[in-house]
Amino acid sequence: MQRKPIHRGGIVSAGYDADSRCLDIEFDTHRILRYEGVSSTVAKRFLTSASPYSYFRDVIQDEYPSIDLGSQPPKERRVEPKKKGIDDLKRLFGDL
């Protein structure tokens, strides 16, 4: 499921899957919770809320069952170093 950035009220990103009725929320602690059985109306209101944490706390948190999907490391740590290609080696060493 694709999450969109939110960056308000301690929520980093969130995404909704209408087929499974699941709402994933990533918090600024990098913890990700999946809430099940969430209607598309509730998800849309949450995703477009000017105060998403308040909406989450008041409407979602205690009303829907959740699954802890664990933590996701910060993006800075997930970046893979660029692999060197043959062209990079030729630029460094010339044609051998």
PDB file of N, CA and C in Angstrom:
ATOM      1  N   MET A   1       0.842  -1.171   0.000  1.00  0.00           N
ATOM      2  CA  MET A   1       0.000   0.000   0.000  1.00  0.00           C
ATOM      3  C   MET A   1       0.890   1.238   0.000  1.00  0.00           C
ATOM      4  N   GLN A   2       0.554   2.180  -0.807  1.00  0.00           N
ATOM      5  CA  GLN A   2       1.306   3.429  -0.917  1.00  0.00           C
ATOM      6  C   GLN A   2       0.837   4.387   0.179  1.00  0.00           C
ATOM      7  N   ARG A   3       1.794   4.916   0.949  1.00  0.00           N
ATOM      8  CA  ARG A   3       1.449   5.906   1.967  1.00  0.00           C
ATOM      9  C   ARG A   3       1.826   7.286   1.458  1.00  0.00           C
ATOM     10  N   LYS A   4       1.021   8.284   1.849  1.00  0.00           N
ATOM     11  CA  LYS A   4       1.340   9.655   1.458  1.00  0.00           C
ATOM     12  C   LYS A   4       1.894  10.396   2.666  1.00  0.00           C
ATOM     13  N   PRO A   5       2.817  11.320   2.450  1.00  0.00           N
ATOM     14  CA  PRO A   5       3.390  12.075   3.562  1.00  0.00           C
ATOM     15  C   PRO A   5       2.337  12.958   4.225  1.00  0.00           C
ATOM     16  N   ILE A   6       2.396  13.038   5.546  1.00  0.00           N
ATOM     17  CA  ILE A   6       1.480  13.903   6.291  1.00  0.00           C
ATOM     18  C   ILE A   6       2.278  14.926   7.098  1.00  0.00           C
ATOM     19  N   HIS A   7       3.240  14.474   7.905  1.00  0.00           N
ATOM     20  CA  HIS A   7       4.144  15.335   8.679  1.00  0.00           C
ATOM     21  C   HIS A   7       3.418  16.374   9.532  1.00  0.00           C
ATOM     22  N   ARG A   8       2.376  15.939  10.233  1.00  0.00           N
ATOM     23  CA  ARG A   8       1.672  16.816  11.171  1.00  0.00           C
ATOM     24  C   ARG A   8       1.266  16.002  12.387  1.00  0.00           C
ATOM     25  N   GLY A   9       1.406  16.606  13.550  1.00  0.00           N
ATOM     26  CA  GLY A   9       0.907  15.999  14.775  1.00  0.00           C
ATOM     27  C   GLY A   9       1.540  14.670  15.136  1.00  0.00           C
ATOM     28  N   GLY A  10       2.792  14.465  14.773  1.00  0.00           N
ATOM     29  CA  GLY A  10       3.455  13.212  15.111  1.00  0.00           C
ATOM     30  C   GLY A  10       3.194  12.084  14.134  1.00  0.00           C
ATOM     31  N   ILE A  11       2.470  12.364  13.064  1.00  0.00           N
ATOM     32  CA  ILE A  11       2.199  11.363  12.031  1.00  0.00           C
ATOM     33  C   ILE A  11       3.046  11.715  10.814  1.00  0.00           C
ATOM     34  N   VAL A  12       3.826  10.739  10.353  1.00  0.00           N
ATOM     35  CA  VAL A  12       4.740  10.968   9.233  1.00  0.00           C
ATOM     36  C   VAL A  12       4.061  10.683   7.899  1.00  0.00           C
ATOM     37  N   SER A  13       3.334   9.556   7.828  1.00  0.00           N
ATOM     38  CA  SER A  13       2.668   9.184   6.581  1.00  0.00           C
ATOM     39  C   SER A  13       1.501   8.258   6.885  1.00  0.00           C
ATOM     40  N   ALA A  14       0.620   8.118   5.897  1.00  0.00           N
ATOM     41  CA  ALA A  14      -0.526   7.221   6.052  1.00  0.00           C
ATOM     42  C   ALA A  14      -1.015   6.808   4.669  1.00  0.00           C
ATOM     43  N   GLY A  15      -1.626   5.634   4.615  1.00  0.00           N
ATOM     44  CA  GLY A  15      -2.183   5.141   3.361  1.00  0.00           C
ATOM     45  C   GLY A  15      -3.387   4.267   3.633  1.00  0.00           C
ATOM     46  N   TYR A  16      -4.271   4.199   2.646  1.00  0.00           N
ATOM     47  CA  TYR A  16      -5.508   3.436   2.800  1.00  0.00           C
ATOM     48  C   TYR A  16      -5.693   2.504   1.613  1.00  0.00           C
ATOM     49  N   ASP A  17      -6.099   1.268   1.895  1.00  0.00           N
ATOM     50  CA  ASP A  17      -6.428   0.286   0.864  1.00  0.00           C
ATOM     51  C   ASP A  17      -7.922   0.005   0.965  1.00  0.00           C
ATOM     52  N   ALA A  18      -8.680   0.489  -0.011  1.00  0.00           N
ATOM     53  CA  ALA A  18     -10.134   0.355   0.017  1.00  0.00           C
ATOM     54  C   ALA A  18     -10.583  -1.097  -0.091  1.00  0.00           C
ATOM     55  N   ASP A  19      -9.843  -1.929  -0.828  1.00  0.00           N
ATOM     56  CA  ASP A  19     -10.234  -3.335  -0.984  1.00  0.00           C
ATOM     57  C   ASP A  19     -10.181  -4.092   0.339  1.00  0.00           C
ATOM     58  N   SER A  20      -9.131  -3.884   1.104  1.00  0.00           N
ATOM     59  CA  SER A  20      -8.992  -4.594   2.384  1.00  0.00           C
ATOM     60  C   SER A  20      -9.510  -3.768   3.561  1.00  0.00           C
ATOM     61  N   ARG A  21      -9.861  -2.500   3.301  1.00  0.00           N
ATOM     62  CA  ARG A  21     -10.345  -1.573   4.335  1.00  0.00           C
ATOM     63  C   ARG A  21      -9.317  -1.407   5.454  1.00  0.00           C
ATOM     64  N   CYS A  22      -8.043  -1.333   5.056  1.00  0.00           N
ATOM     65  CA  CYS A  22      -6.946  -1.168   6.017  1.00  0.00           C
ATOM     66  C   CYS A  22      -6.343   0.229   5.883  1.00  0.00           C
ATOM     67  N   LEU A  23      -6.069   0.831   7.024  1.00  0.00           N
ATOM     68  CA  LEU A  23      -5.428   2.140   7.089  1.00  0.00           C
ATOM     69  C   LEU A  23      -4.097   1.971   7.812  1.00  0.00           C
ATOM     70  N   ASP A  24      -2.994   2.270   7.122  1.00  0.00           N
ATOM     71  CA  ASP A  24      -1.662   2.201   7.719  1.00  0.00           C
ATOM     72  C   ASP A  24      -1.233   3.604   8.116  1.00  0.00           C
ATOM     73  N   ILE A  25      -0.719   3.728   9.341  1.00  0.00           N
ATOM     74  CA  ILE A  25      -0.258   5.021   9.842  1.00  0.00           C
ATOM     75  C   ILE A  25       1.165   4.864  10.362  1.00  0.00           C
ATOM     76  N   GLU A  26       2.069   5.706   9.854  1.00  0.00           N
ATOM     77  CA  GLU A  26       3.449   5.726  10.341  1.00  0.00           C
ATOM     78  C   GLU A  26       3.625   6.957  11.224  1.00  0.00           C
ATOM     79  N   PHE A  27       4.109   6.736  12.431  1.00  0.00           N
ATOM     80  CA  PHE A  27       4.298   7.818  13.388  1.00  0.00           C
ATOM     81  C   PHE A  27       5.739   8.313  13.353  1.00  0.00           C
ATOM     82  N   ASP A  28       5.985   9.459  14.003  1.00  0.00           N
ATOM     83  CA  ASP A  28       7.337  10.022  13.980  1.00  0.00           C
ATOM     84  C   ASP A  28       8.349   9.166  14.740  1.00  0.00           C
ATOM     85  N   THR A  29       7.888   8.161  15.446  1.00  0.00           N
ATOM     86  CA  THR A  29       8.779   7.186  16.087  1.00  0.00           C
ATOM     87  C   THR A  29       9.156   6.075  15.108  1.00  0.00           C
ATOM     88  N   HIS A  30       8.625   6.152  13.881  1.00  0.00           N
ATOM     89  CA  HIS A  30       8.797   5.182  12.794  1.00  0.00           C
ATOM     90  C   HIS A  30       8.012   3.894  13.030  1.00  0.00           C
ATOM     91  N   ARG A  31       7.162   3.889  14.025  1.00  0.00           N
ATOM     92  CA  ARG A  31       6.272   2.758  14.277  1.00  0.00           C
ATOM     93  C   ARG A  31       5.120   2.835  13.276  1.00  0.00           C
ATOM     94  N   ILE A  32       4.744   1.682  12.736  1.00  0.00           N
ATOM     95  CA  ILE A  32       3.654   1.631  11.765  1.00  0.00           C
ATOM     96  C   ILE A  32       2.548   0.754  12.330  1.00  0.00           C
ATOM     97  N   LEU A  33       1.335   1.309  12.375  1.00  0.00           N
ATOM     98  CA  LEU A  33       0.169   0.561  12.832  1.00  0.00           C
ATOM     99  C   LEU A  33      -0.816   0.429  11.684  1.00  0.00           C
ATOM    100  N   ARG A  34      -1.421  -0.751  11.559  1.00  0.00           N
ATOM    101  CA  ARG A  34      -2.451  -0.993  10.548  1.00  0.00           C
ATOM    102  C   ARG A  34      -3.790  -1.138  11.270  1.00  0.00           C
ATOM    103  N   TYR A  35      -4.735  -0.298  10.893  1.00  0.00           N
ATOM    104  CA  TYR A  35      -6.085  -0.354  11.456  1.00  0.00           C
ATOM    105  C   TYR A  35      -6.995  -1.029  10.440  1.00  0.00           C
ATOM    106  N   GLU A  36      -7.742  -2.033  10.908  1.00  0.00           N
ATOM    107  CA  GLU A  36      -8.567  -2.851  10.020  1.00  0.00           C
ATOM    108  C   GLU A  36     -10.038  -2.477  10.129  1.00  0.00           C
ATOM    109  N   GLY A  37     -10.751  -2.650   9.022  1.00  0.00           N
ATOM    110  CA  GLY A  37     -12.183  -2.400   8.994  1.00  0.00           C
ATOM    111  C   GLY A  37     -12.548  -0.931   8.915  1.00  0.00           C
ATOM    112  N   VAL A  38     -11.614  -0.096   8.488  1.00  0.00           N
ATOM    113  CA  VAL A  38     -11.836   1.348   8.419  1.00  0.00           C
ATOM    114  C   VAL A  38     -12.596   1.673   7.134  1.00  0.00           C
ATOM    115  N   SER A  39     -13.684   2.419   7.273  1.00  0.00           N
ATOM    116  CA  SER A  39     -14.471   2.784   6.088  1.00  0.00           C
ATOM    117  C   SER A  39     -13.707   3.813   5.253  1.00  0.00           C
ATOM    118  N   SER A  40     -14.056   3.891   3.990  1.00  0.00           N
ATOM    119  CA  SER A  40     -13.387   4.848   3.106  1.00  0.00           C
ATOM    120  C   SER A  40     -13.679   6.283   3.534  1.00  0.00           C
ATOM    121  N   THR A  41     -14.851   6.528   4.101  1.00  0.00           N
ATOM    122  CA  THR A  41     -15.202   7.869   4.571  1.00  0.00           C
ATOM    123  C   THR A  41     -14.291   8.294   5.721  1.00  0.00           C
ATOM    124  N   VAL A  42     -14.113   7.409   6.692  1.00  0.00           N
ATOM    125  CA  VAL A  42     -13.239   7.712   7.832  1.00  0.00           C
ATOM    126  C   VAL A  42     -11.804   7.915   7.352  1.00  0.00           C
ATOM    127  N   ALA A  43     -11.335   7.047   6.465  1.00  0.00           N
ATOM    128  CA  ALA A  43      -9.966   7.161   5.955  1.00  0.00           C
ATOM    129  C   ALA A  43      -9.767   8.479   5.212  1.00  0.00           C
ATOM    130  N   LYS A  44     -10.714   8.843   4.371  1.00  0.00           N
ATOM    131  CA  LYS A  44     -10.595  10.083   3.602  1.00  0.00           C
ATOM    132  C   LYS A  44     -10.573  11.296   4.526  1.00  0.00           C
ATOM    133  N   ARG A  45     -11.446  11.288   5.530  1.00  0.00           N
ATOM    134  CA  ARG A  45     -11.467  12.408   6.479  1.00  0.00           C
ATOM    135  C   ARG A  45     -10.147  12.507   7.238  1.00  0.00           C
ATOM    136  N   PHE A  46      -9.598  11.361   7.624  1.00  0.00           N
ATOM    137  CA  PHE A  46      -8.309  11.360   8.321  1.00  0.00           C
ATOM    138  C   PHE A  46      -7.202  11.887   7.409  1.00  0.00           C
ATOM    139  N   LEU A  47      -7.127  11.360   6.186  1.00  0.00           N
ATOM    140  CA  LEU A  47      -6.048  11.722   5.267  1.00  0.00           C
ATOM    141  C   LEU A  47      -6.092  13.182   4.832  1.00  0.00           C
ATOM    142  N   THR A  48      -7.264  13.808   4.910  1.00  0.00           N
ATOM    143  CA  THR A  48      -7.393  15.208   4.493  1.00  0.00           C
ATOM    144  C   THR A  48      -7.582  16.157   5.668  1.00  0.00           C
ATOM    145  N   SER A  49      -7.506  15.644   6.875  1.00  0.00           N
ATOM    146  CA  SER A  49      -7.733  16.455   8.068  1.00  0.00           C
ATOM    147  C   SER A  49      -6.625  17.486   8.266  1.00  0.00           C
ATOM    148  N   ALA A  50      -7.024  18.676   8.719  1.00  0.00           N
ATOM    149  CA  ALA A  50      -6.049  19.705   9.069  1.00  0.00           C
ATOM    150  C   ALA A  50      -5.348  19.344  10.374  1.00  0.00           C
ATOM    151  N   SER A  51      -5.975  18.471  11.154  1.00  0.00           N
ATOM    152  CA  SER A  51      -5.411  18.030  12.431  1.00  0.00           C
ATOM    153  C   SER A  51      -5.492  16.505  12.505  1.00  0.00           C
ATOM    154  N   PRO A  52      -4.622  15.805  11.748  1.00  0.00           N
ATOM    155  CA  PRO A  52      -4.749  14.353  11.631  1.00  0.00           C
ATOM    156  C   PRO A  52      -4.584  13.595  12.945  1.00  0.00           C
ATOM    157  N   TYR A  53      -3.709  14.062  13.840  1.00  0.00           N
ATOM    158  CA  TYR A  53      -3.540  13.326  15.094  1.00  0.00           C
ATOM    159  C   TYR A  53      -4.797  13.410  15.947  1.00  0.00           C
ATOM    160  N   SER A  54      -5.431  14.571  15.988  1.00  0.00           N
ATOM    161  CA  SER A  54      -6.678  14.711  16.749  1.00  0.00           C
ATOM    162  C   SER A  54      -7.759  13.808  16.167  1.00  0.00           C
ATOM    163  N   TYR A  55      -7.865  13.772  14.847  1.00  0.00           N
ATOM    164  CA  TYR A  55      -8.863  12.907  14.210  1.00  0.00           C
ATOM    165  C   TYR A  55      -8.553  11.442  14.509  1.00  0.00           C
ATOM    166  N   PHE A  56      -7.284  11.070  14.422  1.00  0.00           N
ATOM    167  CA  PHE A  56      -6.864   9.708  14.736  1.00  0.00           C
ATOM    168  C   PHE A  56      -7.249   9.347  16.167  1.00  0.00           C
ATOM    169  N   ARG A  57      -6.907  10.202  17.108  1.00  0.00           N
ATOM    170  CA  ARG A  57      -7.169   9.946  18.522  1.00  0.00           C
ATOM    171  C   ARG A  57      -8.673   9.860  18.811  1.00  0.00           C
ATOM    172  N   ASP A  58      -9.451  10.750  18.213  1.00  0.00           N
ATOM    173  CA  ASP A  58     -10.885  10.824  18.508  1.00  0.00           C
ATOM    174  C   ASP A  58     -11.722   9.784  17.778  1.00  0.00           C
ATOM    175  N   VAL A  59     -11.326   9.410  16.571  1.00  0.00           N
ATOM    176  CA  VAL A  59     -12.190   8.576  15.731  1.00  0.00           C
ATOM    177  C   VAL A  59     -11.629   7.176  15.469  1.00  0.00           C
ATOM    178  N   ILE A  60     -10.333   7.040  15.350  1.00  0.00           N
ATOM    179  CA  ILE A  60      -9.745   5.774  14.883  1.00  0.00           C
ATOM    180  C   ILE A  60      -9.126   4.940  15.999  1.00  0.00           C
ATOM    181  N   GLN A  61      -8.314   5.543  16.829  1.00  0.00           N
ATOM    182  CA  GLN A  61      -7.437   4.824  17.759  1.00  0.00           C
ATOM    183  C   GLN A  61      -8.131   3.739  18.580  1.00  0.00           C
ATOM    184  N   ASP A  62      -9.217   4.037  19.226  1.00  0.00           N
ATOM    185  CA  ASP A  62      -9.882   3.061  20.093  1.00  0.00           C
ATOM    186  C   ASP A  62     -11.087   2.389  19.445  1.00  0.00           C
ATOM    187  N   GLU A  63     -11.372   2.727  18.197  1.00  0.00           N
ATOM    188  CA  GLU A  63     -12.563   2.199  17.532  1.00  0.00           C
ATOM    189  C   GLU A  63     -12.287   1.032  16.593  1.00  0.00           C
ATOM    190  N   TYR A  64     -11.054   0.902  16.144  1.00  0.00           N
ATOM    191  CA  TYR A  64     -10.724  -0.129  15.160  1.00  0.00           C
ATOM    192  C   TYR A  64      -9.585  -1.006  15.681  1.00  0.00           C
ATOM    193  N   PRO A  65      -9.627  -2.305  15.376  1.00  0.00           N
ATOM    194  CA  PRO A  65      -8.518  -3.175  15.788  1.00  0.00           C
ATOM    195  C   PRO A  65      -7.258  -2.815  15.000  1.00  0.00           C
ATOM    196  N   SER A  66      -6.113  -2.930  15.674  1.00  0.00           N
ATOM    197  CA  SER A  66      -4.862  -2.567  15.007  1.00  0.00           C
ATOM    198  C   SER A  66      -3.849  -3.698  15.086  1.00  0.00           C
ATOM    199  N   ILE A  67      -2.951  -3.681  14.127  1.00  0.00           N
ATOM    200  CA  ILE A  67      -1.825  -4.609  14.069  1.00  0.00           C
ATOM    201  C   ILE A  67      -0.568  -3.754  14.029  1.00  0.00           C
ATOM    202  N   ASP A  68       0.395  -4.075  14.884  1.00  0.00           N
ATOM    203  CA  ASP A  68       1.665  -3.359  14.888  1.00  0.00           C
ATOM    204  C   ASP A  68       2.551  -3.965  13.802  1.00  0.00           C
ATOM    205  N   LEU A  69       2.845  -3.185  12.776  1.00  0.00           N
ATOM    206  CA  LEU A  69       3.687  -3.662  11.680  1.00  0.00           C
ATOM    207  C   LEU A  69       5.163  -3.456  11.980  1.00  0.00           C
ATOM    208  N   GLY A  70       5.454  -2.953  13.156  1.00  0.00           N
ATOM    209  CA  GLY A  70       6.843  -2.770  13.552  1.00  0.00           C
ATOM    210  C   GLY A  70       7.340  -1.380  13.248  1.00  0.00           C
ATOM    211  N   SER A  71       8.636  -1.268  13.218  1.00  0.00           N
ATOM    212  CA  SER A  71       9.280   0.013  12.973  1.00  0.00           C
ATOM    213  C   SER A  71       9.976  -0.014  11.630  1.00  0.00           C
ATOM    214  N   GLN A  72      10.039   1.146  11.044  1.00  0.00           N
ATOM    215  CA  GLN A  72      10.733   1.310   9.774  1.00  0.00           C
ATOM    216  C   GLN A  72      11.884   2.268  10.039  1.00  0.00           C
ATOM    217  N   PRO A  73      13.102   1.903   9.673  1.00  0.00           N
ATOM    218  CA  PRO A  73      14.218   2.814   9.932  1.00  0.00           C
ATOM    219  C   PRO A  73      14.039   4.119   9.165  1.00  0.00           C
ATOM    220  N   PRO A  74      14.605   5.202   9.675  1.00  0.00           N
ATOM    221  CA  PRO A  74      14.516   6.472   8.948  1.00  0.00           C
ATOM    222  C   PRO A  74      15.055   6.327   7.530  1.00  0.00           C
ATOM    223  N   LYS A  75      14.523   7.128   6.623  1.00  0.00           N
ATOM    224  CA  LYS A  75      14.884   7.019   5.211  1.00  0.00           C
ATOM    225  C   LYS A  75      16.379   7.184   4.976  1.00  0.00           C
ATOM    226  N   GLU A  76      17.040   8.004   5.786  1.00  0.00           N
ATOM    227  CA  GLU A  76      18.469   8.221   5.577  1.00  0.00           C
ATOM    228  C   GLU A  76      19.241   6.909   5.677  1.00  0.00           C
ATOM    229  N   ARG A  77      18.802   6.009   6.540  1.00  0.00           N
ATOM    230  CA  ARG A  77      19.513   4.748   6.726  1.00  0.00           C
ATOM    231  C   ARG A  77      19.136   3.710   5.681  1.00  0.00           C
ATOM    232  N   ARG A  78      18.052   3.913   4.953  1.00  0.00           N
ATOM    233  CA  ARG A  78      17.610   2.922   3.985  1.00  0.00           C
ATOM    234  C   ARG A  78      18.201   3.141   2.599  1.00  0.00           C
ATOM    235  N   VAL A  79      18.893   4.233   2.393  1.00  0.00           N
ATOM    236  CA  VAL A  79      19.433   4.546   1.074  1.00  0.00           C
ATOM    237  C   VAL A  79      20.593   3.606   0.770  1.00  0.00           C
ATOM    238  N   GLU A  80      20.484   2.937  -0.352  1.00  0.00           N
ATOM    239  CA  GLU A  80      21.546   2.027  -0.800  1.00  0.00           C
ATOM    240  C   GLU A  80      22.620   2.848  -1.507  1.00  0.00           C
ATOM    241  N   PRO A  81      23.885   2.547  -1.287  1.00  0.00           N
ATOM    242  CA  PRO A  81      24.923   3.255  -2.032  1.00  0.00           C
ATOM    243  C   PRO A  81      24.824   2.917  -3.518  1.00  0.00           C
ATOM    244  N   LYS A  82      25.124   3.908  -4.334  1.00  0.00           N
ATOM    245  CA  LYS A  82      25.053   3.695  -5.777  1.00  0.00           C
ATOM    246  C   LYS A  82      26.130   2.700  -6.193  1.00  0.00           C
ATOM    247  N   LYS A  83      25.728   1.713  -6.970  1.00  0.00           N
ATOM    248  CA  LYS A  83      26.684   0.710  -7.439  1.00  0.00           C
ATOM    249  C   LYS A  83      27.447   1.263  -8.633  1.00  0.00           C
ATOM    250  N   LYS A  84      28.698   0.914  -8.676  1.00  0.00           N
ATOM    251  CA  LYS A  84      29.552   1.363  -9.773  1.00  0.00           C
ATOM    252  C   LYS A  84      29.311   0.498 -11.001  1.00  0.00           C
ATOM    253  N   GLY A  85      29.125   1.141 -12.122  1.00  0.00           N
ATOM    254  CA  GLY A  85      28.946   0.429 -13.373  1.00  0.00           C
ATOM    255  C   GLY A  85      30.249   0.390 -14.154  1.00  0.00           C
ATOM    256  N   ILE A  86      30.242  -0.314 -15.246  1.00  0.00           N
ATOM    257  CA  ILE A  86      31.437  -0.451 -16.084  1.00  0.00           C
ATOM    258  C   ILE A  86      31.887   0.909 -16.618  1.00  0.00           C
ATOM    259  N   ASP A  87      30.923   1.803 -16.906  1.00  0.00           N
ATOM    260  CA  ASP A  87      31.289   3.131 -17.403  1.00  0.00           C
ATOM    261  C   ASP A  87      32.038   3.932 -16.342  1.00  0.00           C
ATOM    262  N   ASP A  88      31.633   3.786 -15.078  1.00  0.00           N
ATOM    263  CA  ASP A  88      32.337   4.468 -13.990  1.00  0.00           C
ATOM    264  C   ASP A  88      33.771   3.963 -13.888  1.00  0.00           C
ATOM    265  N   LEU A  89      33.965   2.660 -14.028  1.00  0.00           N
ATOM    266  CA  LEU A  89      35.310   2.083 -13.957  1.00  0.00           C
ATOM    267  C   LEU A  89      36.169   2.539 -15.135  1.00  0.00           C
ATOM    268  N   LYS A  90      35.566   2.621 -16.318  1.00  0.00           N
ATOM    269  CA  LYS A  90      36.322   3.084 -17.487  1.00  0.00           C
ATOM    270  C   LYS A  90      36.752   4.538 -17.315  1.00  0.00           C
ATOM    271  N   ARG A  91      35.883   5.367 -16.703  1.00  0.00           N
ATOM    272  CA  ARG A  91      36.251   6.759 -16.456  1.00  0.00           C
ATOM    273  C   ARG A  91      37.422   6.841 -15.482  1.00  0.00           C
ATOM    274  N   LEU A  92      37.457   5.954 -14.506  1.00  0.00           N
ATOM    275  CA  LEU A  92      38.534   5.968 -13.518  1.00  0.00           C
ATOM    276  C   LEU A  92      39.843   5.418 -14.065  1.00  0.00           C
ATOM    277  N   PHE A  93      39.766   4.304 -14.775  1.00  0.00           N
ATOM    278  CA  PHE A  93      40.972   3.583 -15.174  1.00  0.00           C
ATOM    279  C   PHE A  93      41.235   3.592 -16.672  1.00  0.00           C
ATOM    280  N   GLY A  94      40.338   4.106 -17.460  1.00  0.00           N
ATOM    281  CA  GLY A  94      40.486   4.055 -18.902  1.00  0.00           C
ATOM    282  C   GLY A  94      40.178   2.658 -19.420  1.00  0.00           C
ATOM    283  N   ASP A  95      40.227   2.490 -20.722  1.00  0.00           N
ATOM    284  CA  ASP A  95      39.987   1.162 -21.300  1.00  0.00           C
ATOM    285  C   ASP A  95      41.199   0.283 -21.035  1.00  0.00           C
ATOM    286  N   LEU A  96      40.965  -0.868 -20.448  1.00  0.00           N
ATOM    287  CA  LEU A  96      42.077  -1.780 -20.137  1.00  0.00           C
ATOM    288  C   LEU A  96      42.263  -2.800 -21.208  1.00  0.00           C
TER     289      LEU A  96
END
